Amino acid sequence: MKVKFPKRGKTKKTIIMKLKIKTQKFVDWHLNSGSDQEQEQIRQELGNLVTCSLLLNERFTIAPRDLLDNLNTDVIPMHLVEGFQDKDTSIEIGDLDIDNYKIQLI
């Protein structure tokens, strides 16, 4: 985890916590975690997205960042974050007292 401090002379005091997550770990978690019902819903949403895109654009592409951008990131487990050492795998990003954070897929 990396903390970004504001540059000198600026009055902005926002600190942004940068959370790094390996892309493959994120995609595996996103597509394979949750209840059977949640997994089915994710697959249906992706299927609908593919169908609409193919009908409108005759092609479809998706990147891991697209999955992340359409997700409530507070539910991502902290054990996916690089450098997180706690063995409790149930802790989610939203459980921590972080006001501003940015997730970087690596």
N, C-alpha and C. Protein backbone atom coordinates (compact mmCIF):
# COMPACT_ATOMS: atom_id res chain seq x y z
N MET A 1 0.84 -1.17 0.00
CA MET A 1 0.00 0.00 0.00
C MET A 1 0.89 1.23 0.00
N LYS A 2 0.46 2.23 -0.73
CA LYS A 2 1.25 3.44 -0.87
C LYS A 2 0.35 4.63 -0.57
N VAL A 3 0.84 5.55 0.24
CA VAL A 3 0.09 6.76 0.57
C VAL A 3 0.65 7.89 -0.28
N LYS A 4 -0.22 8.62 -0.94
CA LYS A 4 0.19 9.76 -1.77
C LYS A 4 -0.07 11.05 -0.99
N PHE A 5 0.99 11.77 -0.70
CA PHE A 5 0.87 13.03 0.03
C PHE A 5 0.81 14.19 -0.96
N PRO A 6 0.07 15.25 -0.60
CA PRO A 6 0.00 16.41 -1.49
C PRO A 6 1.36 17.11 -1.59
N LYS A 7 1.60 17.77 -2.72
CA LYS A 7 2.84 18.50 -2.92
C LYS A 7 2.84 19.75 -2.07
N ARG A 8 4.04 20.21 -1.74
CA ARG A 8 4.17 21.42 -0.92
C ARG A 8 3.54 22.62 -1.60
N GLY A 9 2.99 23.49 -0.77
CA GLY A 9 2.42 24.72 -1.28
C GLY A 9 0.96 24.60 -1.67
N LYS A 10 0.47 23.40 -1.73
CA LYS A 10 -0.93 23.22 -2.08
C LYS A 10 -1.73 23.10 -0.79
N THR A 11 -2.91 23.67 -0.78
CA THR A 11 -3.74 23.64 0.42
C THR A 11 -4.60 22.39 0.50
N LYS A 12 -4.66 21.66 -0.58
CA LYS A 12 -5.46 20.44 -0.60
C LYS A 12 -4.83 19.42 0.34
N LYS A 13 -5.61 18.89 1.27
CA LYS A 13 -5.08 17.97 2.26
C LYS A 13 -5.65 16.57 2.11
N THR A 14 -6.07 16.23 0.94
CA THR A 14 -6.62 14.90 0.69
C THR A 14 -5.48 13.90 0.56
N ILE A 15 -5.56 12.85 1.32
CA ILE A 15 -4.60 11.76 1.22
C ILE A 15 -5.30 10.60 0.53
N ILE A 16 -4.67 10.09 -0.52
CA ILE A 16 -5.26 8.99 -1.27
C ILE A 16 -4.43 7.75 -1.03
N MET A 17 -5.07 6.70 -0.53
CA MET A 17 -4.40 5.44 -0.29
C MET A 17 -4.44 4.65 -1.60
N LYS A 18 -3.27 4.25 -2.08
CA LYS A 18 -3.20 3.47 -3.31
C LYS A 18 -3.13 1.99 -2.92
N LEU A 19 -4.11 1.23 -3.36
CA LEU A 19 -4.17 -0.20 -3.07
C LEU A 19 -3.87 -0.96 -4.36
N LYS A 20 -2.82 -1.77 -4.33
CA LYS A 20 -2.41 -2.53 -5.51
C LYS A 20 -2.93 -3.96 -5.40
N ILE A 21 -3.57 -4.41 -6.49
CA ILE A 21 -4.12 -5.76 -6.55
C ILE A 21 -3.66 -6.39 -7.85
N LYS A 22 -3.17 -7.63 -7.77
CA LYS A 22 -2.80 -8.34 -8.98
C LYS A 22 -4.05 -8.61 -9.81
N THR A 23 -3.97 -8.30 -11.08
CA THR A 23 -5.11 -8.41 -11.98
C THR A 23 -5.72 -9.82 -11.95
N GLN A 24 -4.89 -10.84 -12.05
CA GLN A 24 -5.40 -12.22 -12.10
C GLN A 24 -6.14 -12.58 -10.82
N LYS A 25 -5.61 -12.15 -9.67
CA LYS A 25 -6.29 -12.42 -8.39
C LYS A 25 -7.66 -11.74 -8.36
N PHE A 26 -7.71 -10.50 -8.84
CA PHE A 26 -8.98 -9.77 -8.86
C PHE A 26 -10.00 -10.46 -9.74
N VAL A 27 -9.60 -10.82 -10.97
CA VAL A 27 -10.54 -11.45 -11.91
C VAL A 27 -11.02 -12.79 -11.35
N ASP A 28 -10.10 -13.59 -10.80
CA ASP A 28 -10.50 -14.88 -10.20
C ASP A 28 -11.50 -14.67 -9.08
N TRP A 29 -11.22 -13.70 -8.21
CA TRP A 29 -12.14 -13.43 -7.10
C TRP A 29 -13.49 -12.95 -7.62
N HIS A 30 -13.46 -12.01 -8.56
CA HIS A 30 -14.70 -11.41 -9.06
C HIS A 30 -15.61 -12.44 -9.72
N LEU A 31 -15.03 -13.34 -10.49
CA LEU A 31 -15.84 -14.30 -11.24
C LEU A 31 -16.17 -15.57 -10.46
N ASN A 32 -15.45 -15.83 -9.37
CA ASN A 32 -15.62 -17.11 -8.68
C ASN A 32 -16.01 -17.01 -7.21
N SER A 33 -16.21 -15.82 -6.70
CA SER A 33 -16.58 -15.70 -5.29
C SER A 33 -18.07 -15.42 -5.16
N GLY A 34 -18.55 -15.48 -3.96
CA GLY A 34 -19.96 -15.21 -3.71
C GLY A 34 -20.81 -16.46 -3.83
N SER A 35 -22.05 -16.29 -3.58
CA SER A 35 -22.99 -17.41 -3.64
C SER A 35 -23.22 -17.82 -5.09
N ASP A 36 -23.83 -18.98 -5.28
CA ASP A 36 -24.17 -19.43 -6.62
C ASP A 36 -25.06 -18.41 -7.33
N GLN A 37 -25.98 -17.83 -6.57
CA GLN A 37 -26.90 -16.83 -7.13
C GLN A 37 -26.13 -15.58 -7.58
N GLU A 38 -25.17 -15.14 -6.77
CA GLU A 38 -24.37 -13.96 -7.14
C GLU A 38 -23.51 -14.24 -8.37
N GLN A 39 -22.92 -15.43 -8.43
CA GLN A 39 -22.11 -15.79 -9.60
C GLN A 39 -22.97 -15.86 -10.85
N GLU A 40 -24.16 -16.40 -10.72
CA GLU A 40 -25.07 -16.47 -11.87
C GLU A 40 -25.46 -15.08 -12.34
N GLN A 41 -25.70 -14.17 -11.39
CA GLN A 41 -26.06 -12.79 -11.75
C GLN A 41 -24.91 -12.12 -12.50
N ILE A 42 -23.67 -12.31 -12.04
CA ILE A 42 -22.51 -11.72 -12.71
C ILE A 42 -22.41 -12.26 -14.13
N ARG A 43 -22.59 -13.55 -14.29
CA ARG A 43 -22.51 -14.16 -15.62
C ARG A 43 -23.62 -13.66 -16.54
N GLN A 44 -24.82 -13.49 -15.99
CA GLN A 44 -25.92 -12.96 -16.79
C GLN A 44 -25.65 -11.52 -17.22
N GLU A 45 -25.14 -10.72 -16.30
CA GLU A 45 -24.83 -9.33 -16.63
C GLU A 45 -23.76 -9.26 -17.71
N LEU A 46 -22.72 -10.08 -17.60
CA LEU A 46 -21.68 -10.12 -18.63
C LEU A 46 -22.25 -10.60 -19.95
N GLY A 47 -23.11 -11.62 -19.91
CA GLY A 47 -23.74 -12.13 -21.12
C GLY A 47 -24.58 -11.07 -21.81
N ASN A 48 -25.35 -10.31 -21.03
CA ASN A 48 -26.16 -9.23 -21.58
C ASN A 48 -25.29 -8.14 -22.20
N LEU A 49 -24.18 -7.82 -21.52
CA LEU A 49 -23.25 -6.82 -22.03
C LEU A 49 -22.65 -7.27 -23.37
N VAL A 50 -22.25 -8.54 -23.43
CA VAL A 50 -21.69 -9.09 -24.67
C VAL A 50 -22.72 -9.04 -25.79
N THR A 51 -23.93 -9.50 -25.51
CA THR A 51 -24.99 -9.53 -26.53
C THR A 51 -25.29 -8.13 -27.07
N CYS A 52 -25.49 -7.17 -26.17
CA CYS A 52 -25.79 -5.80 -26.59
C CYS A 52 -24.64 -5.21 -27.41
N SER A 53 -23.43 -5.43 -26.95
CA SER A 53 -22.27 -4.90 -27.67
C SER A 53 -22.14 -5.51 -29.05
N LEU A 54 -22.37 -6.81 -29.16
CA LEU A 54 -22.28 -7.47 -30.47
C LEU A 54 -23.38 -6.98 -31.41
N LEU A 55 -24.58 -6.77 -30.88
CA LEU A 55 -25.67 -6.29 -31.72
C LEU A 55 -25.44 -4.86 -32.20
N LEU A 56 -24.91 -4.03 -31.32
CA LEU A 56 -24.71 -2.62 -31.66
C LEU A 56 -23.41 -2.36 -32.41
N ASN A 57 -22.35 -3.04 -32.00
CA ASN A 57 -21.01 -2.72 -32.52
C ASN A 57 -20.38 -3.84 -33.34
N GLU A 58 -21.01 -4.98 -33.34
CA GLU A 58 -20.51 -6.17 -34.02
C GLU A 58 -19.16 -6.64 -33.48
N ARG A 59 -18.82 -6.21 -32.27
CA ARG A 59 -17.62 -6.71 -31.59
C ARG A 59 -17.75 -6.45 -30.10
N PHE A 60 -16.90 -7.14 -29.35
CA PHE A 60 -16.95 -6.99 -27.89
C PHE A 60 -15.55 -7.11 -27.32
N THR A 61 -15.22 -6.20 -26.45
CA THR A 61 -13.97 -6.28 -25.69
C THR A 61 -14.26 -5.85 -24.27
N ILE A 62 -13.54 -6.45 -23.35
CA ILE A 62 -13.67 -6.07 -21.94
C ILE A 62 -12.30 -6.25 -21.28
N ALA A 63 -12.00 -5.37 -20.39
CA ALA A 63 -10.73 -5.42 -19.67
C ALA A 63 -11.04 -5.58 -18.18
N PRO A 64 -10.09 -6.11 -17.42
CA PRO A 64 -10.29 -6.24 -15.98
C PRO A 64 -10.67 -4.91 -15.33
N ARG A 65 -10.13 -3.81 -15.84
CA ARG A 65 -10.47 -2.50 -15.29
C ARG A 65 -11.96 -2.20 -15.46
N ASP A 66 -12.55 -2.67 -16.57
CA ASP A 66 -13.99 -2.48 -16.79
C ASP A 66 -14.80 -3.19 -15.71
N LEU A 67 -14.36 -4.39 -15.34
CA LEU A 67 -15.04 -5.13 -14.26
C LEU A 67 -14.93 -4.36 -12.96
N LEU A 68 -13.74 -3.85 -12.68
CA LEU A 68 -13.51 -3.10 -11.44
C LEU A 68 -14.34 -1.82 -11.40
N ASP A 69 -14.41 -1.12 -12.52
CA ASP A 69 -15.13 0.15 -12.57
C ASP A 69 -16.64 -0.01 -12.35
N ASN A 70 -17.16 -1.21 -12.57
CA ASN A 70 -18.60 -1.45 -12.40
C ASN A 70 -18.89 -2.23 -11.13
N LEU A 71 -18.04 -2.10 -10.15
CA LEU A 71 -18.15 -2.86 -8.91
C LEU A 71 -18.08 -1.93 -7.71
N ASN A 72 -18.82 -2.25 -6.68
CA ASN A 72 -18.67 -1.54 -5.41
C ASN A 72 -17.36 -2.03 -4.80
N THR A 73 -16.31 -1.23 -4.90
CA THR A 73 -14.98 -1.67 -4.49
C THR A 73 -14.85 -1.88 -2.98
N ASP A 74 -15.79 -1.38 -2.21
CA ASP A 74 -15.74 -1.59 -0.76
C ASP A 74 -15.86 -3.07 -0.39
N VAL A 75 -16.39 -3.90 -1.29
CA VAL A 75 -16.58 -5.32 -0.97
C VAL A 75 -15.38 -6.19 -1.36
N ILE A 76 -14.36 -5.59 -1.95
CA ILE A 76 -13.17 -6.36 -2.32
C ILE A 76 -12.43 -6.76 -1.05
N PRO A 77 -12.09 -8.04 -0.91
CA PRO A 77 -11.39 -8.48 0.29
C PRO A 77 -9.96 -7.93 0.35
N MET A 78 -9.56 -7.53 1.54
CA MET A 78 -8.23 -6.96 1.72
C MET A 78 -7.12 -7.97 1.46
N HIS A 79 -7.40 -9.26 1.57
CA HIS A 79 -6.33 -10.23 1.34
C HIS A 79 -5.86 -10.23 -0.12
N LEU A 80 -6.61 -9.58 -1.02
CA LEU A 80 -6.17 -9.43 -2.41
C LEU A 80 -5.17 -8.29 -2.58
N VAL A 81 -5.16 -7.36 -1.62
CA VAL A 81 -4.30 -6.17 -1.71
C VAL A 81 -2.86 -6.55 -1.38
N GLU A 82 -1.94 -6.15 -2.27
CA GLU A 82 -0.52 -6.41 -2.07
C GLU A 82 -0.05 -5.77 -0.76
N GLY A 83 0.68 -6.52 0.03
CA GLY A 83 1.23 -6.00 1.27
C GLY A 83 0.33 -6.16 2.48
N PHE A 84 -0.90 -6.58 2.30
CA PHE A 84 -1.81 -6.76 3.43
C PHE A 84 -1.42 -8.05 4.14
N GLN A 85 -1.16 -7.98 5.44
CA GLN A 85 -0.59 -9.10 6.16
C GLN A 85 -1.55 -9.86 7.06
N ASP A 86 -2.73 -9.33 7.33
CA ASP A 86 -3.66 -9.96 8.26
C ASP A 86 -4.16 -11.28 7.69
N LYS A 87 -4.25 -12.29 8.52
CA LYS A 87 -4.70 -13.61 8.06
C LYS A 87 -6.22 -13.72 8.00
N ASP A 88 -6.93 -12.73 8.50
CA ASP A 88 -8.39 -12.72 8.46
C ASP A 88 -8.84 -12.37 7.04
N THR A 89 -9.29 -13.38 6.30
CA THR A 89 -9.65 -13.17 4.89
C THR A 89 -11.04 -12.56 4.73
N SER A 90 -11.74 -12.32 5.82
CA SER A 90 -13.09 -11.75 5.70
C SER A 90 -13.09 -10.22 5.69
N ILE A 91 -11.95 -9.60 5.97
CA ILE A 91 -11.88 -8.14 6.00
C ILE A 91 -11.97 -7.59 4.58
N GLU A 92 -12.88 -6.63 4.40
CA GLU A 92 -13.07 -6.00 3.09
C GLU A 92 -12.55 -4.57 3.14
N ILE A 93 -12.30 -3.99 1.99
CA ILE A 93 -11.80 -2.62 1.93
C ILE A 93 -12.73 -1.68 2.69
N GLY A 94 -14.02 -1.88 2.56
CA GLY A 94 -14.99 -1.02 3.24
C GLY A 94 -14.98 -1.13 4.76
N ASP A 95 -14.35 -2.19 5.29
CA ASP A 95 -14.26 -2.37 6.74
C ASP A 95 -13.20 -1.46 7.36
N LEU A 96 -12.29 -0.98 6.55
CA LEU A 96 -11.21 -0.14 7.04
C LEU A 96 -11.64 1.32 7.05
N ASP A 97 -10.96 2.10 7.83
CA ASP A 97 -11.27 3.53 7.95
C ASP A 97 -10.47 4.30 6.91
N ILE A 98 -10.80 4.08 5.63
CA ILE A 98 -10.12 4.76 4.53
C ILE A 98 -11.15 5.61 3.80
N ASP A 99 -10.96 6.92 3.82
CA ASP A 99 -11.90 7.81 3.14
C ASP A 99 -11.66 7.85 1.63
N ASN A 100 -10.41 7.95 1.25
CA ASN A 100 -10.06 8.07 -0.18
C ASN A 100 -9.04 7.00 -0.53
N TYR A 101 -9.41 6.17 -1.50
CA TYR A 101 -8.46 5.18 -1.96
C TYR A 101 -8.63 4.98 -3.46
N LYS A 102 -7.58 4.49 -4.06
CA LYS A 102 -7.59 4.19 -5.49
C LYS A 102 -7.03 2.79 -5.64
N ILE A 103 -7.69 1.98 -6.45
CA ILE A 103 -7.22 0.63 -6.69
C ILE A 103 -6.46 0.60 -8.00
N GLN A 104 -5.27 0.05 -7.93
CA GLN A 104 -4.45 -0.10 -9.12
C GLN A 104 -4.29 -1.59 -9.40
N LEU A 105 -4.71 -2.03 -10.58
CA LEU A 105 -4.51 -3.41 -10.98
C LEU A 105 -3.12 -3.53 -11.57
N ILE A 106 -2.38 -4.51 -11.07
CA ILE A 106 -0.99 -4.69 -11.53
C ILE A 106 -0.81 -6.06 -12.16
